[in-house]
Amino acid sequence: MTERQTEQRRYTKKQMGDACEMLVAAELTLAGIPALKVPDNWPGYDVIAQPFDRPPQRISVKSRTYKKGPAYVGYMDYDGFDWLAFVILANDESNQRSVYLIPRNLADRTARRDKPTAKTANLRYWRVDELEAKFDRYRDNFSLIVIEDGGTPCSGN
């Protein structure tokens, strides 16, 4: 890291990822859905949550620092999860963050994908600077509510 980067960010990418996973688990728990971080390198998801009205929900957490332009966040199409959590951190010293929790079926429908012949054919992704416009209704969705296209909450996964 450059000297400037070191001054702004005093943690590694691994520490940032772990912190964001713990953040999602804590926010879910405080919203009434007990959750915990699974061990590192668990296949497909990072947090498991237990809503009282549904089976356990698997959550994949993806974290990035906000950047305009070609900065992406995504997942592999074969990853096994029920919800996708994006944690986007401000790129300044404000410590602000945005968290979006979206259902898997919405992620699959809206993600960009490369040609089937590309090496990255299994990758599903979005630009970081487009997440708010696409998923604003899922910001801070720690109750794991599925929202229909008209904005009406409906039953979960």
Protein backbone atom coordinates (compact mmCIF):
# COMPACT_ATOMS: atom_id res chain seq x y z
CA MET A 1 0.00 0.00 0.00
CA THR A 2 1.08 3.54 -0.61
CA GLU A 3 1.65 5.91 2.29
CA ARG A 4 -1.65 7.68 1.53
CA GLN A 5 -3.59 4.39 1.51
CA THR A 6 -2.02 3.36 4.81
CA GLU A 7 -3.18 6.62 6.41
CA GLN A 8 -6.77 6.12 5.23
CA ARG A 9 -7.16 2.41 5.82
CA ARG A 10 -5.47 0.72 8.74
CA TYR A 11 -6.74 -2.79 8.04
CA THR A 12 -6.21 -5.49 5.44
CA LYS A 13 -8.78 -6.66 2.88
CA LYS A 14 -9.19 -9.84 4.93
CA GLN A 15 -9.87 -7.84 8.10
CA MET A 16 -12.35 -5.67 6.20
CA GLY A 17 -14.16 -8.76 4.88
CA ASP A 18 -14.31 -10.39 8.31
CA ALA A 19 -15.58 -7.16 9.90
CA CYS A 20 -18.32 -6.82 7.28
CA GLU A 21 -19.42 -10.42 7.83
CA MET A 22 -19.60 -9.80 11.59
CA LEU A 23 -21.45 -6.52 10.95
CA VAL A 24 -24.14 -8.28 8.89
CA ALA A 25 -24.52 -11.04 11.51
CA ALA A 26 -24.81 -8.47 14.32
CA GLU A 27 -27.34 -6.28 12.49
CA LEU A 28 -29.50 -9.30 11.65
CA THR A 29 -29.43 -10.45 15.27
CA LEU A 30 -30.35 -6.98 16.55
CA ALA A 31 -33.23 -6.90 14.04
CA GLY A 32 -34.62 -10.07 15.64
CA ILE A 33 -33.08 -12.68 13.33
CA PRO A 34 -30.34 -14.54 15.22
CA ALA A 35 -27.28 -14.92 13.01
CA LEU A 36 -23.64 -15.87 13.19
CA LYS A 37 -20.57 -15.83 10.98
CA VAL A 38 -19.59 -19.27 9.71
CA PRO A 39 -15.93 -20.36 9.71
CA ASP A 40 -13.64 -18.79 7.11
CA ASN A 41 -13.62 -20.46 3.68
CA TRP A 42 -17.03 -22.01 4.25
CA PRO A 43 -18.28 -22.84 0.75
CA GLY A 44 -20.92 -20.52 -0.70
CA TYR A 45 -21.89 -18.30 2.21
CA ASP A 46 -20.50 -16.37 5.17
CA VAL A 47 -23.39 -15.88 7.62
CA ILE A 48 -26.22 -18.17 8.67
CA ALA A 49 -29.42 -16.61 10.01
CA GLN A 50 -32.46 -18.23 11.63
CA PRO A 51 -35.72 -16.33 11.07
CA PHE A 52 -38.56 -17.56 13.26
CA ASP A 53 -40.90 -18.04 10.29
CA ARG A 54 -38.53 -19.74 7.81
CA PRO A 55 -35.76 -22.28 7.56
CA PRO A 56 -32.17 -21.09 8.13
CA GLN A 57 -31.07 -18.51 5.57
CA ARG A 58 -27.56 -18.59 4.05
CA ILE A 59 -26.06 -15.15 3.38
CA SER A 60 -23.04 -14.41 1.19
CA VAL A 61 -21.36 -11.14 2.20
CA LYS A 62 -19.42 -9.06 -0.33
CA SER A 63 -17.60 -5.92 0.77
CA ARG A 64 -15.94 -3.15 -1.19
CA THR A 65 -14.83 0.41 -0.73
CA TYR A 66 -16.99 2.79 -2.78
CA LYS A 67 -15.50 3.97 -6.06
CA LYS A 68 -17.13 5.54 -9.08
CA GLY A 69 -16.47 3.85 -12.37
CA PRO A 70 -15.25 0.34 -13.08
CA ALA A 71 -15.24 -1.19 -9.60
CA TYR A 72 -17.30 -4.35 -9.30
CA VAL A 73 -18.80 -6.64 -6.70
CA GLY A 74 -20.12 -10.10 -7.51
CA TYR A 75 -20.42 -13.82 -6.87
CA MET A 76 -20.03 -17.12 -8.69
CA ASP A 77 -23.24 -18.63 -10.07
CA TYR A 78 -22.52 -21.95 -8.35
CA ASP A 79 -22.23 -20.39 -4.86
CA GLY A 80 -24.94 -21.75 -2.56
CA PHE A 81 -26.69 -18.92 -0.70
CA ASP A 82 -30.20 -17.53 -0.17
CA TRP A 83 -29.34 -13.84 0.31
CA LEU A 84 -26.55 -11.62 -0.96
CA ALA A 85 -25.29 -8.83 1.30
CA PHE A 86 -23.29 -5.98 -0.20
CA VAL A 87 -21.42 -3.87 2.34
CA ILE A 88 -20.07 -0.75 0.65
CA LEU A 89 -17.71 1.37 2.73
CA ALA A 90 -17.15 5.08 2.14
CA ASN A 91 -13.78 5.89 0.58
CA ASP A 92 -13.08 8.62 3.12
CA GLU A 93 -12.61 8.82 6.88
CA SER A 94 -16.36 9.12 7.60
CA ASN A 95 -16.75 5.42 8.49
CA GLN A 96 -20.12 5.48 6.68
CA ARG A 97 -21.37 2.33 5.00
CA SER A 98 -24.29 1.06 2.98
CA VAL A 99 -25.60 -2.47 3.40
CA TYR A 100 -27.95 -4.10 0.89
CA LEU A 101 -29.47 -7.52 1.57
CA ILE A 102 -31.07 -8.91 -1.58
CA PRO A 103 -32.67 -12.29 -2.25
CA ARG A 104 -30.79 -14.75 -4.46
CA ASN A 105 -33.44 -14.83 -7.20
CA LEU A 106 -33.22 -11.04 -7.61
CA ALA A 107 -29.42 -11.24 -7.70
CA ASP A 108 -29.57 -13.89 -10.43
CA ARG A 109 -32.08 -11.86 -12.48
CA THR A 110 -30.27 -8.51 -12.33
CA ALA A 111 -26.57 -9.36 -12.38
CA ARG A 112 -24.33 -8.75 -15.35
CA ARG A 113 -22.74 -11.81 -16.85
CA ASP A 114 -20.11 -12.50 -19.46
CA LYS A 115 -20.42 -14.67 -22.56
CA PRO A 116 -20.75 -18.43 -21.90
CA THR A 117 -17.38 -18.97 -23.59
CA ALA A 118 -15.51 -16.47 -21.37
CA LYS A 119 -13.25 -17.59 -18.53
CA THR A 120 -15.53 -15.54 -16.25
CA ALA A 121 -18.78 -17.09 -17.52
CA ASN A 122 -19.74 -18.17 -13.97
CA LEU A 123 -19.26 -14.68 -12.52
CA ARG A 124 -22.32 -12.52 -11.73
CA TYR A 125 -21.53 -8.89 -10.96
CA TRP A 126 -22.58 -5.22 -10.66
CA ARG A 127 -20.74 -1.93 -10.65
CA VAL A 128 -20.39 -0.61 -7.11
CA ASP A 129 -21.62 2.85 -8.12
CA GLU A 130 -24.88 1.37 -9.49
CA LEU A 131 -25.95 -0.58 -6.39
CA GLU A 132 -27.96 2.23 -4.75
CA ALA A 133 -30.04 2.83 -7.88
CA LYS A 134 -30.70 -0.89 -8.39
CA PHE A 135 -31.24 -2.02 -4.80
CA ASP A 136 -32.24 1.04 -2.74
CA ARG A 137 -35.38 -0.76 -1.46
CA TYR A 138 -33.12 -3.50 -0.02
CA ARG A 139 -30.84 -1.11 1.88
CA ASP A 140 -30.58 -2.13 5.56
CA ASN A 141 -32.97 -5.03 4.91
CA PHE A 142 -31.99 -6.80 8.14
CA SER A 143 -35.46 -8.32 8.45
CA LEU A 144 -34.78 -10.28 5.24
CA ILE A 145 -37.96 -9.07 3.58
CA VAL A 146 -38.52 -9.86 -0.08
CA ILE A 147 -39.98 -6.83 -1.81
CA GLU A 148 -41.98 -7.30 -4.99
CA ASP A 149 -41.29 -5.06 -7.99
CA GLY A 150 -44.11 -2.74 -6.94
CA GLY A 151 -42.43 -2.13 -3.58
CA THR A 152 -44.77 -4.36 -1.57
CA PRO A 153 -43.23 -6.73 1.00
CA CYS A 154 -44.10 -10.39 0.49
CA SER A 155 -43.18 -13.67 2.16
CA GLY A 156 -39.49 -14.56 2.28
CA ASN A 157 -37.47 -17.34 0.71
